[in-house]
């Protein structure tokens, strides 16, 4: 993997920070699409094991949502700062990691009950907090964190619907 320019230690460090919510400031400046692609493919494969072919939906909703969030966040940040689309896609995609747990749970359990809905809400909150904190640390958006948390949570609700239904 080193020959391809992929550093497994960086990916492990980033995923561990996302799962434990510690060390977020250190990874907020890293922009590497490898983790995002791995997470999206893993979610797609897990959904495929359930009998749902959703690769196009994952990439389509992911890309359109990232473009919308990119435009929105650029409207909210201070003058002089600029967020590029690549960073937006990295942060949003890496924060999809908790959805792997939802897709695994969907393989073994029916999530169309109150416990499944509660688990889906928990996953949306976990991913939203992760993405919001990464944007907050990388762009110094402490005052606007609640403004960006809401559209990010709505974006992740689409992925819950894709995973559960």
N, C-alpha and C. Protein backbone atom coordinates (compact mmCIF):
# COMPACT_ATOMS: atom_id res chain seq x y z
N UNK A 1 0.82 -1.19 0.00
CA UNK A 1 0.00 0.00 0.00
C UNK A 1 0.86 1.26 0.00
N UNK A 2 2.08 1.13 0.52
CA UNK A 2 2.98 2.28 0.54
C UNK A 2 3.33 2.73 -0.87
N UNK A 3 3.41 1.76 -1.82
CA UNK A 3 3.77 2.10 -3.19
C UNK A 3 2.71 2.98 -3.85
N UNK A 4 1.45 2.82 -3.43
CA UNK A 4 0.36 3.59 -4.00
C UNK A 4 0.20 4.96 -3.35
N UNK A 5 1.02 5.24 -2.34
CA UNK A 5 0.91 6.51 -1.64
C UNK A 5 -0.11 6.48 -0.51
N UNK A 6 -0.58 5.28 -0.15
CA UNK A 6 -1.57 5.12 0.92
C UNK A 6 -0.82 4.75 2.19
N UNK A 7 -1.03 5.52 3.23
CA UNK A 7 -0.37 5.25 4.50
C UNK A 7 -1.39 4.67 5.47
N UNK A 8 -1.31 3.34 5.73
CA UNK A 8 -2.29 2.70 6.61
C UNK A 8 -2.30 3.28 8.02
N UNK A 9 -1.15 3.75 8.49
CA UNK A 9 -1.11 4.32 9.85
C UNK A 9 -1.94 5.59 9.96
N UNK A 10 -1.91 6.42 8.90
CA UNK A 10 -2.72 7.64 8.90
C UNK A 10 -4.21 7.31 8.88
N UNK A 11 -4.58 6.31 8.09
CA UNK A 11 -5.98 5.93 8.00
C UNK A 11 -6.46 5.38 9.34
N UNK A 12 -5.64 4.53 9.98
CA UNK A 12 -6.00 3.98 11.29
C UNK A 12 -6.13 5.08 12.33
N UNK A 13 -5.20 6.03 12.29
CA UNK A 13 -5.23 7.14 13.25
C UNK A 13 -6.49 7.97 13.06
N UNK A 14 -6.85 8.23 11.79
CA UNK A 14 -8.03 9.03 11.49
C UNK A 14 -9.30 8.30 11.92
N UNK A 15 -9.41 7.01 11.58
CA UNK A 15 -10.59 6.24 11.95
C UNK A 15 -10.72 6.10 13.47
N UNK A 16 -9.59 5.92 14.16
CA UNK A 16 -9.63 5.82 15.62
C UNK A 16 -10.07 7.14 16.24
N UNK A 17 -9.62 8.25 15.68
CA UNK A 17 -10.05 9.57 16.19
C UNK A 17 -11.54 9.77 15.96
N UNK A 18 -12.05 9.31 14.82
CA UNK A 18 -13.48 9.46 14.54
C UNK A 18 -14.31 8.59 15.48
N UNK A 19 -13.84 7.39 15.74
CA UNK A 19 -14.60 6.48 16.60
C UNK A 19 -14.56 6.89 18.06
N UNK A 20 -13.43 7.42 18.53
CA UNK A 20 -13.31 7.77 19.95
C UNK A 20 -13.55 9.24 20.24
N UNK A 21 -13.64 10.07 19.19
CA UNK A 21 -13.84 11.52 19.33
C UNK A 21 -12.70 12.18 20.09
N UNK A 22 -11.51 11.61 20.05
CA UNK A 22 -10.34 12.24 20.68
C UNK A 22 -9.27 12.43 19.61
N UNK A 23 -8.50 13.48 19.73
CA UNK A 23 -7.48 13.79 18.75
C UNK A 23 -8.03 14.37 17.46
N UNK A 24 -9.18 15.00 17.55
CA UNK A 24 -9.82 15.54 16.35
C UNK A 24 -9.06 16.74 15.78
N UNK A 25 -8.42 17.53 16.63
CA UNK A 25 -7.70 18.70 16.13
C UNK A 25 -6.50 18.28 15.28
N UNK A 26 -5.89 17.15 15.63
CA UNK A 26 -4.72 16.70 14.89
C UNK A 26 -5.08 16.22 13.49
N UNK A 27 -6.23 15.58 13.34
CA UNK A 27 -6.60 15.03 12.04
C UNK A 27 -7.43 16.00 11.21
N UNK A 28 -7.83 17.14 11.78
CA UNK A 28 -8.70 18.05 11.04
C UNK A 28 -8.02 18.68 9.84
N UNK A 29 -6.71 18.76 9.85
CA UNK A 29 -5.99 19.38 8.73
C UNK A 29 -5.66 18.37 7.63
N UNK A 30 -5.82 17.09 7.90
CA UNK A 30 -5.48 16.07 6.91
C UNK A 30 -6.61 15.92 5.89
N UNK A 31 -6.26 15.96 4.63
CA UNK A 31 -7.24 15.73 3.57
C UNK A 31 -6.73 14.56 2.73
N UNK A 32 -7.35 13.42 2.94
CA UNK A 32 -6.97 12.21 2.24
C UNK A 32 -8.24 11.46 1.88
N UNK A 33 -8.49 11.28 0.61
CA UNK A 33 -9.73 10.65 0.15
C UNK A 33 -9.73 9.13 0.30
N UNK A 34 -8.62 8.53 0.71
CA UNK A 34 -8.57 7.08 0.82
C UNK A 34 -9.58 6.57 1.83
N UNK A 35 -9.64 7.19 2.98
CA UNK A 35 -10.59 6.77 4.01
C UNK A 35 -12.03 6.92 3.55
N UNK A 36 -12.31 7.99 2.85
CA UNK A 36 -13.66 8.23 2.34
C UNK A 36 -14.08 7.15 1.35
N UNK A 37 -13.19 6.82 0.44
CA UNK A 37 -13.51 5.79 -0.55
C UNK A 37 -13.67 4.43 0.11
N UNK A 38 -12.81 4.12 1.07
CA UNK A 38 -12.92 2.84 1.79
C UNK A 38 -14.25 2.74 2.51
N UNK A 39 -14.65 3.80 3.19
CA UNK A 39 -15.91 3.79 3.93
C UNK A 39 -17.11 3.64 2.99
N UNK A 40 -17.11 4.38 1.90
CA UNK A 40 -18.24 4.30 0.96
C UNK A 40 -18.34 2.92 0.32
N UNK A 41 -17.22 2.35 -0.08
CA UNK A 41 -17.23 1.01 -0.67
C UNK A 41 -17.66 -0.02 0.37
N UNK A 42 -17.20 0.12 1.60
CA UNK A 42 -17.57 -0.83 2.65
C UNK A 42 -19.07 -0.77 2.95
N UNK A 43 -19.63 0.42 3.01
CA UNK A 43 -21.08 0.55 3.22
C UNK A 43 -21.83 -0.07 2.05
N UNK A 44 -21.37 0.20 0.83
CA UNK A 44 -22.01 -0.37 -0.35
C UNK A 44 -21.94 -1.89 -0.37
N UNK A 45 -20.80 -2.46 0.02
CA UNK A 45 -20.67 -3.92 0.06
C UNK A 45 -21.57 -4.53 1.13
N UNK A 46 -21.63 -3.90 2.30
CA UNK A 46 -22.48 -4.43 3.36
C UNK A 46 -23.95 -4.37 2.97
N UNK A 47 -24.35 -3.32 2.28
CA UNK A 47 -25.73 -3.24 1.80
C UNK A 47 -25.98 -4.26 0.69
N UNK A 48 -24.95 -4.55 -0.10
CA UNK A 48 -25.09 -5.54 -1.15
C UNK A 48 -25.29 -6.93 -0.56
N UNK A 49 -24.64 -7.21 0.56
CA UNK A 49 -24.84 -8.50 1.23
C UNK A 49 -26.28 -8.66 1.72
N UNK A 50 -26.93 -7.55 1.98
CA UNK A 50 -28.34 -7.57 2.39
C UNK A 50 -29.26 -7.69 1.18
N UNK A 51 -28.73 -7.51 -0.02
CA UNK A 51 -29.53 -7.63 -1.23
C UNK A 51 -29.91 -6.29 -1.83
N UNK A 52 -29.30 -5.23 -1.36
CA UNK A 52 -29.59 -3.88 -1.87
C UNK A 52 -28.36 -3.38 -2.64
N UNK A 53 -28.53 -3.07 -3.89
CA UNK A 53 -27.44 -2.50 -4.69
C UNK A 53 -27.61 -0.98 -4.64
N UNK A 54 -26.79 -0.33 -3.83
CA UNK A 54 -26.96 1.10 -3.57
C UNK A 54 -25.71 1.92 -3.88
N UNK A 55 -24.76 1.37 -4.64
CA UNK A 55 -23.52 2.10 -4.90
C UNK A 55 -23.79 3.44 -5.58
N UNK A 56 -24.65 3.46 -6.57
CA UNK A 56 -24.98 4.70 -7.27
C UNK A 56 -25.63 5.72 -6.36
N UNK A 57 -26.52 5.24 -5.48
CA UNK A 57 -27.16 6.16 -4.53
C UNK A 57 -26.16 6.73 -3.54
N UNK A 58 -25.26 5.88 -3.06
CA UNK A 58 -24.26 6.35 -2.10
C UNK A 58 -23.39 7.43 -2.72
N UNK A 59 -22.89 7.18 -3.91
CA UNK A 59 -22.02 8.17 -4.56
C UNK A 59 -22.82 9.38 -5.04
N UNK A 60 -24.01 9.17 -5.55
CA UNK A 60 -24.83 10.29 -6.04
C UNK A 60 -25.27 11.22 -4.94
N UNK A 61 -25.87 10.65 -3.88
CA UNK A 61 -26.29 11.49 -2.75
C UNK A 61 -25.07 12.07 -2.04
N UNK A 62 -24.00 11.29 -1.96
CA UNK A 62 -22.80 11.79 -1.31
C UNK A 62 -22.20 12.98 -2.03
N UNK A 63 -22.09 12.89 -3.35
CA UNK A 63 -21.50 13.98 -4.11
C UNK A 63 -22.39 15.22 -4.12
N UNK A 64 -23.68 15.04 -4.35
CA UNK A 64 -24.57 16.21 -4.37
C UNK A 64 -24.67 16.85 -2.98
N UNK A 65 -24.68 16.04 -1.94
CA UNK A 65 -24.71 16.59 -0.58
C UNK A 65 -23.42 17.31 -0.23
N UNK A 66 -22.29 16.77 -0.67
CA UNK A 66 -21.01 17.44 -0.41
C UNK A 66 -20.93 18.78 -1.14
N UNK A 67 -21.45 18.83 -2.35
CA UNK A 67 -21.44 20.11 -3.09
C UNK A 67 -22.33 21.13 -2.38
N UNK A 68 -23.50 20.70 -1.92
CA UNK A 68 -24.40 21.61 -1.20
C UNK A 68 -23.78 22.09 0.10
N UNK A 69 -23.17 21.18 0.86
CA UNK A 69 -22.52 21.58 2.11
C UNK A 69 -21.30 22.47 1.85
N UNK A 70 -20.58 22.20 0.78
CA UNK A 70 -19.44 23.04 0.39
C UNK A 70 -19.89 24.48 0.16
N UNK A 71 -20.98 24.64 -0.58
CA UNK A 71 -21.48 25.99 -0.85
C UNK A 71 -21.97 26.67 0.43
N UNK A 72 -22.69 25.92 1.25
CA UNK A 72 -23.23 26.48 2.48
C UNK A 72 -22.13 26.89 3.45
N UNK A 73 -21.15 26.03 3.64
CA UNK A 73 -20.08 26.35 4.59
C UNK A 73 -19.24 27.52 4.10
N UNK A 74 -19.02 27.61 2.79
CA UNK A 74 -18.28 28.76 2.27
C UNK A 74 -19.03 30.06 2.48
N UNK A 75 -20.35 30.00 2.56
CA UNK A 75 -21.12 31.21 2.87
C UNK A 75 -21.03 31.59 4.34
N UNK A 76 -20.75 30.62 5.20
CA UNK A 76 -20.75 30.88 6.64
C UNK A 76 -19.39 31.25 7.22
N UNK A 77 -18.29 30.91 6.56
CA UNK A 77 -16.99 31.16 7.16
C UNK A 77 -16.57 32.60 6.97
N UNK A 78 -15.56 33.00 7.77
CA UNK A 78 -15.07 34.37 7.75
C UNK A 78 -14.46 34.72 6.40
N UNK A 79 -14.43 36.00 6.12
CA UNK A 79 -13.77 36.46 4.90
C UNK A 79 -12.28 36.14 5.00
N UNK A 80 -11.74 35.75 3.89
CA UNK A 80 -10.32 35.41 3.87
C UNK A 80 -10.08 33.92 3.99
N UNK A 81 -11.01 33.19 4.55
CA UNK A 81 -10.90 31.74 4.61
C UNK A 81 -11.68 31.13 3.47
N UNK A 82 -11.25 29.96 3.05
CA UNK A 82 -11.91 29.31 1.94
C UNK A 82 -11.84 27.80 2.15
N UNK A 83 -12.94 27.14 1.93
CA UNK A 83 -13.01 25.68 2.04
C UNK A 83 -13.11 25.11 0.64
N UNK A 84 -12.25 24.16 0.32
CA UNK A 84 -12.35 23.56 -1.02
C UNK A 84 -13.22 22.31 -0.97
N UNK A 85 -13.69 21.92 -2.13
CA UNK A 85 -14.60 20.77 -2.25
C UNK A 85 -13.94 19.48 -1.81
N UNK A 86 -12.67 19.35 -2.09
CA UNK A 86 -11.93 18.14 -1.72
C UNK A 86 -11.93 17.94 -0.20
N UNK A 87 -11.70 19.01 0.55
CA UNK A 87 -11.72 18.92 2.02
C UNK A 87 -13.12 18.59 2.51
N UNK A 88 -14.13 19.19 1.90
CA UNK A 88 -15.51 18.90 2.29
C UNK A 88 -15.83 17.42 2.08
N UNK A 89 -15.43 16.89 0.94
CA UNK A 89 -15.70 15.48 0.66
C UNK A 89 -14.94 14.57 1.61
N UNK A 90 -13.74 14.95 1.98
CA UNK A 90 -12.95 14.15 2.91
C UNK A 90 -13.60 14.11 4.29
N UNK A 91 -13.98 15.27 4.80
CA UNK A 91 -14.57 15.34 6.14
C UNK A 91 -15.91 14.62 6.18
N UNK A 92 -16.77 14.89 5.21
CA UNK A 92 -18.09 14.26 5.18
C UNK A 92 -17.97 12.76 4.98
N UNK A 93 -17.08 12.34 4.10
CA UNK A 93 -16.92 10.91 3.82
C UNK A 93 -16.30 10.15 4.97
N UNK A 94 -15.29 10.73 5.62
CA UNK A 94 -14.69 10.06 6.76
C UNK A 94 -15.66 9.97 7.94
N UNK A 95 -16.52 10.94 8.06
CA UNK A 95 -17.51 10.92 9.15
C UNK A 95 -18.63 9.93 8.89
N UNK A 96 -18.66 9.31 7.72
CA UNK A 96 -19.62 8.23 7.45
C UNK A 96 -19.23 6.92 8.11
N UNK A 97 -18.09 6.87 8.75
CA UNK A 97 -17.61 5.62 9.36
C UNK A 97 -18.61 4.96 10.31
N UNK A 98 -19.33 5.68 11.17
CA UNK A 98 -20.31 5.01 12.03
C UNK A 98 -21.43 4.31 11.25
N UNK A 99 -21.66 4.70 10.01
CA UNK A 99 -22.69 4.04 9.21
C UNK A 99 -22.30 2.62 8.84
N UNK A 100 -21.03 2.29 8.95
CA UNK A 100 -20.60 0.91 8.75
C UNK A 100 -21.24 0.03 9.83
N UNK A 101 -21.29 0.53 11.05
CA UNK A 101 -21.92 -0.21 12.15
C UNK A 101 -23.41 -0.37 11.91
N UNK A 102 -24.03 0.65 11.37
CA UNK A 102 -25.46 0.57 11.05
C UNK A 102 -25.71 -0.45 9.94
N UNK A 103 -24.84 -0.48 8.94
CA UNK A 103 -24.99 -1.44 7.85
C UNK A 103 -24.75 -2.87 8.34
N UNK A 104 -23.81 -3.06 9.26
CA UNK A 104 -23.58 -4.39 9.84
C UNK A 104 -24.78 -4.81 10.67
N UNK A 105 -25.32 -3.90 11.45
CA UNK A 105 -26.51 -4.22 12.26
C UNK A 105 -27.70 -4.53 11.35
N UNK A 106 -27.77 -3.87 10.22
CA UNK A 106 -28.86 -4.12 9.28
C UNK A 106 -28.77 -5.51 8.66
N UNK A 107 -27.57 -6.07 8.60
CA UNK A 107 -27.42 -7.44 8.10
C UNK A 107 -28.07 -8.47 9.02
N UNK A 108 -27.96 -8.24 10.31
CA UNK A 108 -28.39 -9.24 11.29
C UNK A 108 -29.73 -8.95 11.96
N UNK A 109 -30.13 -7.70 11.97
CA UNK A 109 -31.35 -7.32 12.68
C UNK A 109 -32.26 -6.52 11.77
N UNK A 110 -33.54 -6.57 12.07
CA UNK A 110 -34.50 -5.70 11.41
C UNK A 110 -34.50 -4.36 12.14
N UNK A 111 -34.11 -3.32 11.46
CA UNK A 111 -34.01 -2.00 12.09
C UNK A 111 -35.28 -1.19 11.96
N UNK A 112 -36.36 -1.81 11.54
CA UNK A 112 -37.64 -1.12 11.38
C UNK A 112 -38.48 -1.24 12.65
N UNK A 113 -37.87 -0.97 13.78
CA UNK A 113 -38.56 -0.99 15.07
C UNK A 113 -38.00 0.16 15.92
N UNK A 114 -38.55 0.42 17.08
CA UNK A 114 -38.07 1.55 17.88
C UNK A 114 -36.59 1.47 18.25
N UNK A 115 -36.08 0.28 18.51
CA UNK A 115 -34.64 0.15 18.82
C UNK A 115 -33.79 0.48 17.60
N UNK A 116 -34.21 0.04 16.43
CA UNK A 116 -33.48 0.35 15.20
C UNK A 116 -33.51 1.83 14.88
N UNK A 117 -34.64 2.46 15.11
CA UNK A 117 -34.76 3.90 14.88
C UNK A 117 -33.85 4.67 15.85
N UNK A 118 -33.83 4.24 17.11
CA UNK A 118 -32.95 4.89 18.10
C UNK A 118 -31.48 4.71 17.72
N UNK A 119 -31.14 3.52 17.22
CA UNK A 119 -29.76 3.29 16.78
C UNK A 119 -29.42 4.17 15.57
N UNK A 120 -30.36 4.32 14.65
CA UNK A 120 -30.15 5.20 13.49
C UNK A 120 -29.97 6.65 13.90
N UNK A 121 -30.76 7.12 14.86
CA UNK A 121 -30.63 8.49 15.36
C UNK A 121 -29.27 8.67 16.02
N UNK A 122 -28.85 7.67 16.79
CA UNK A 122 -27.53 7.73 17.44
C UNK A 122 -26.41 7.82 16.41
N UNK A 123 -26.50 7.05 15.34
CA UNK A 123 -25.48 7.07 14.29
C UNK A 123 -25.45 8.43 13.59
N UNK A 124 -26.63 9.01 13.33
CA UNK A 124 -26.69 10.34 12.71
C UNK A 124 -26.04 11.37 13.63
N UNK A 125 -26.35 11.32 14.91
CA UNK A 125 -25.76 12.28 15.85
C UNK A 125 -24.25 12.10 15.94
N UNK A 126 -23.78 10.87 15.99
CA UNK A 126 -22.35 10.59 16.07
C UNK A 126 -21.62 11.13 14.84
N UNK A 127 -22.14 10.86 13.67
CA UNK A 127 -21.51 11.33 12.44
C UNK A 127 -21.58 12.85 12.33
N UNK A 128 -22.70 13.43 12.73
CA UNK A 128 -22.86 14.88 12.65
C UNK A 128 -21.91 15.59 13.60
N UNK A 129 -21.78 15.09 14.79
CA UNK A 129 -20.85 15.70 15.74
C UNK A 129 -19.42 15.59 15.23
N UNK A 130 -19.08 14.45 14.66
CA UNK A 130 -17.73 14.26 14.12
C UNK A 130 -17.44 15.25 12.99
N UNK A 131 -18.33 15.33 12.02
CA UNK A 131 -18.10 16.23 10.89
C UNK A 131 -18.09 17.69 11.34
N UNK A 132 -19.00 18.04 12.24
CA UNK A 132 -19.06 19.42 12.72
C UNK A 132 -17.77 19.79 13.45
N UNK A 133 -17.28 18.89 14.27
CA UNK A 133 -16.03 19.18 15.00
C UNK A 133 -14.85 19.30 14.06
N UNK A 134 -14.80 18.46 13.02
CA UNK A 134 -13.70 18.55 12.06
C UNK A 134 -13.74 19.87 11.30
N UNK A 135 -14.94 20.30 10.89
CA UNK A 135 -15.06 21.61 10.23
C UNK A 135 -14.72 22.74 11.20
N UNK A 136 -15.17 22.60 12.43
CA UNK A 136 -14.93 23.65 13.43
C UNK A 136 -13.44 23.83 13.67
N UNK A 137 -12.71 22.72 13.81
CA UNK A 137 -11.28 22.83 14.09
C UNK A 137 -10.49 23.28 12.86
N UNK A 138 -10.86 22.83 11.69
CA UNK A 138 -10.07 23.17 10.51
C UNK A 138 -10.34 24.59 10.02
N UNK A 139 -11.52 25.14 10.28
CA UNK A 139 -11.88 26.46 9.76
C UNK A 139 -12.10 27.51 10.85
N UNK A 140 -11.85 27.16 12.10
CA UNK A 140 -12.06 28.09 13.21
C UNK A 140 -13.49 28.63 13.20
N UNK A 141 -14.45 27.70 13.25
CA UNK A 141 -15.88 28.05 13.16
C UNK A 141 -16.61 27.78 14.48
N UNK A 142 -16.00 28.12 15.58
CA UNK A 142 -16.62 27.80 16.86
C UNK A 142 -17.99 28.46 17.02
N UNK A 143 -18.15 29.66 16.52
CA UNK A 143 -19.43 30.36 16.65
C UNK A 143 -20.51 29.82 15.72
N UNK A 144 -20.11 29.19 14.61
CA UNK A 144 -21.08 28.71 13.64
C UNK A 144 -21.30 27.21 13.70
N UNK A 145 -20.80 26.54 14.71
CA UNK A 145 -20.87 25.07 14.72
C UNK A 145 -22.29 24.54 14.71
N UNK A 146 -23.22 25.22 15.38
CA UNK A 146 -24.60 24.74 15.38
C UNK A 146 -25.29 25.03 14.05
N UNK A 147 -24.86 26.08 13.36
CA UNK A 147 -25.41 26.38 12.05
C UNK A 147 -25.03 25.33 11.01
N UNK A 148 -23.83 24.78 11.12
CA UNK A 148 -23.44 23.76 10.15
C UNK A 148 -23.83 22.36 10.61
N UNK A 149 -24.10 22.19 11.90
CA UNK A 149 -24.48 20.85 12.39
C UNK A 149 -25.84 20.43 11.86
N UNK A 150 -26.76 21.35 11.70
CA UNK A 150 -28.11 21.00 11.25
C UNK A 150 -28.14 20.47 9.82
N UNK A 151 -27.55 21.16 8.83
CA UNK A 151 -27.58 20.58 7.48
C UNK A 151 -26.75 19.31 7.37
N UNK A 152 -25.70 19.19 8.17
CA UNK A 152 -24.92 17.96 8.15
C UNK A 152 -25.76 16.80 8.68
N UNK A 153 -26.52 17.05 9.74
CA UNK A 153 -27.41 15.99 10.28
C UNK A 153 -28.47 15.60 9.26
N UNK A 154 -29.02 16.57 8.56
CA UNK A 154 -30.00 16.25 7.51
C UNK A 154 -29.36 15.42 6.40
N UNK A 155 -28.14 15.74 6.05
CA UNK A 155 -27.41 14.98 5.04
C UNK A 155 -27.24 13.53 5.48
N UNK A 156 -26.88 13.32 6.74
CA UNK A 156 -26.67 11.95 7.22
C UNK A 156 -28.00 11.20 7.39
N UNK A 157 -29.09 11.91 7.56
CA UNK A 157 -30.41 11.25 7.61
C UNK A 157 -30.72 10.53 6.30
N UNK A 158 -30.25 11.08 5.20
CA UNK A 158 -30.42 10.42 3.90
C UNK A 158 -29.71 9.07 3.90
N UNK A 159 -28.55 9.01 4.50
CA UNK A 159 -27.80 7.75 4.54
C UNK A 159 -28.44 6.73 5.48
N UNK A 160 -29.10 7.21 6.52
CA UNK A 160 -29.86 6.28 7.37
C UNK A 160 -31.00 5.67 6.56
N UNK A 161 -31.69 6.49 5.81
CA UNK A 161 -32.80 5.99 4.98
C UNK A 161 -32.28 5.00 3.95
N UNK A 162 -31.13 5.29 3.33
CA UNK A 162 -30.54 4.36 2.37
C UNK A 162 -30.18 3.03 3.02
N UNK A 163 -29.67 3.09 4.23
CA UNK A 163 -29.20 1.89 4.91
C UNK A 163 -30.36 1.05 5.45
N UNK A 164 -31.33 1.66 6.05
CA UNK A 164 -32.39 0.92 6.72
C UNK A 164 -33.43 0.42 5.73
N UNK A 165 -33.84 1.23 4.76
CA UNK A 165 -34.93 0.84 3.86
C UNK A 165 -34.41 0.14 2.64
